[in-house]
Amino acid sequence: MNRLLWYFFIILALGASCDHVSNPYPPGSTNGLDTTLYPGNWSDYLANEWPQFSPNTNVNRNVLLEDFTGHKCIYCPAAADLAHALYEANPGRVFPLSIHAGPTGVGDFQTVTLPEYPLDFTTTDGLAIGQYFGINDGGFIGNPRGTVSRINSGGVIFQSPVAWTGMVSNVLTQNELNVNIQTALNYYPSTKGAFLHVEVEKLDQTISSELGIVACLVEDSLVGDQKMSDNSHNSTYIHRDIHRGNLNNTPFGRTLISADLIGDKYYVNYSFAVPNQLVGTYNAANMHVLVYVYDKTTLEIYQVVKQHIE
């Protein structure tokens, strides 16, 4: 079936005129989306707000810097400062992600201790990721440790912070772009609902492994308690890029499959509500989503992009 005829059938299915449907959408693309998060008629969203991606002109490979940390780890603030410095030095190219987990999941550094350390920064997905690598990667021996796009170096994926700067520099300099990603997000404050749309283009056709895609919710910053390098208690410490969970509760996301293909690109869609905290409410303007695609055999992350919610 040629493309023109395909669009014709979509328009007939919508029962709308050609000038009404400016952004044709893939058949079945609403499967699994919580349409109640849209404050209106879902048919209006499909007809008027479903995005149409322009050709992706990006030529740069970005870096995901995972910082596995803990609020009672005295060496972790220095690692967090380094991650933030790499982010500031490479705007739009390096994206930190602070995951509060140790190699066994919850360790001494992540536990809640009243009254000094009352906030639980852990997430179910983050702990699952930590436990997986604690078993399967010899480099994850404690906090702070991290990954640079989960690239294997010296036989391990997890690295000490002393290795982060050099590894980040190497990735940016080599700039091997194997996968491109574009995202679009529509957010509705009245329902706190968001619809995230992702386009993935596999540029290196020699990659034979399956590709996985992950979308995770991240809080930009939060003032909270932290044990410092001199063992002091800092109640006004700024925690940054805090992992708040993966969309669809999937620590390692999902596999990109042929059903996601339209032409030569994959399309994946998510719906989610910005969650409430136990105390207070998350502010959508202080949150973003990181979307990354990785090799399911080597676990290397080929590309990551940041999508603001508001």
Foldseek 3Di string as FASTA:
>chain_A
DDPVVVVVVQCVVLVDDPVQAPDADDPPQCPPADQVLDPDDSSNCNRPPDDDDDDDPDQFFAKEKEWAFAQADAPRVVLQVLLVVVCVVDPFRYDYAYADAALQQDDPRQDADPPQRHDRLHDPLSSVVSPVCSVVFPQRPTPGWIAILQDDDPNGGIDDSVCVVVVNVVCRVVRDQQKDKDKDKDADVVSLKMKIKMKMAGRDPVQPFWKFKWKWKWFAWDAAWHQHNVRDIDGGDIDGRRTPATAPRDSGHGTFDPVQDDPRMGMHMGMDGQDQDPPGGRDLQRMWMKMWMAGPVSSRTNHIGIGRHD
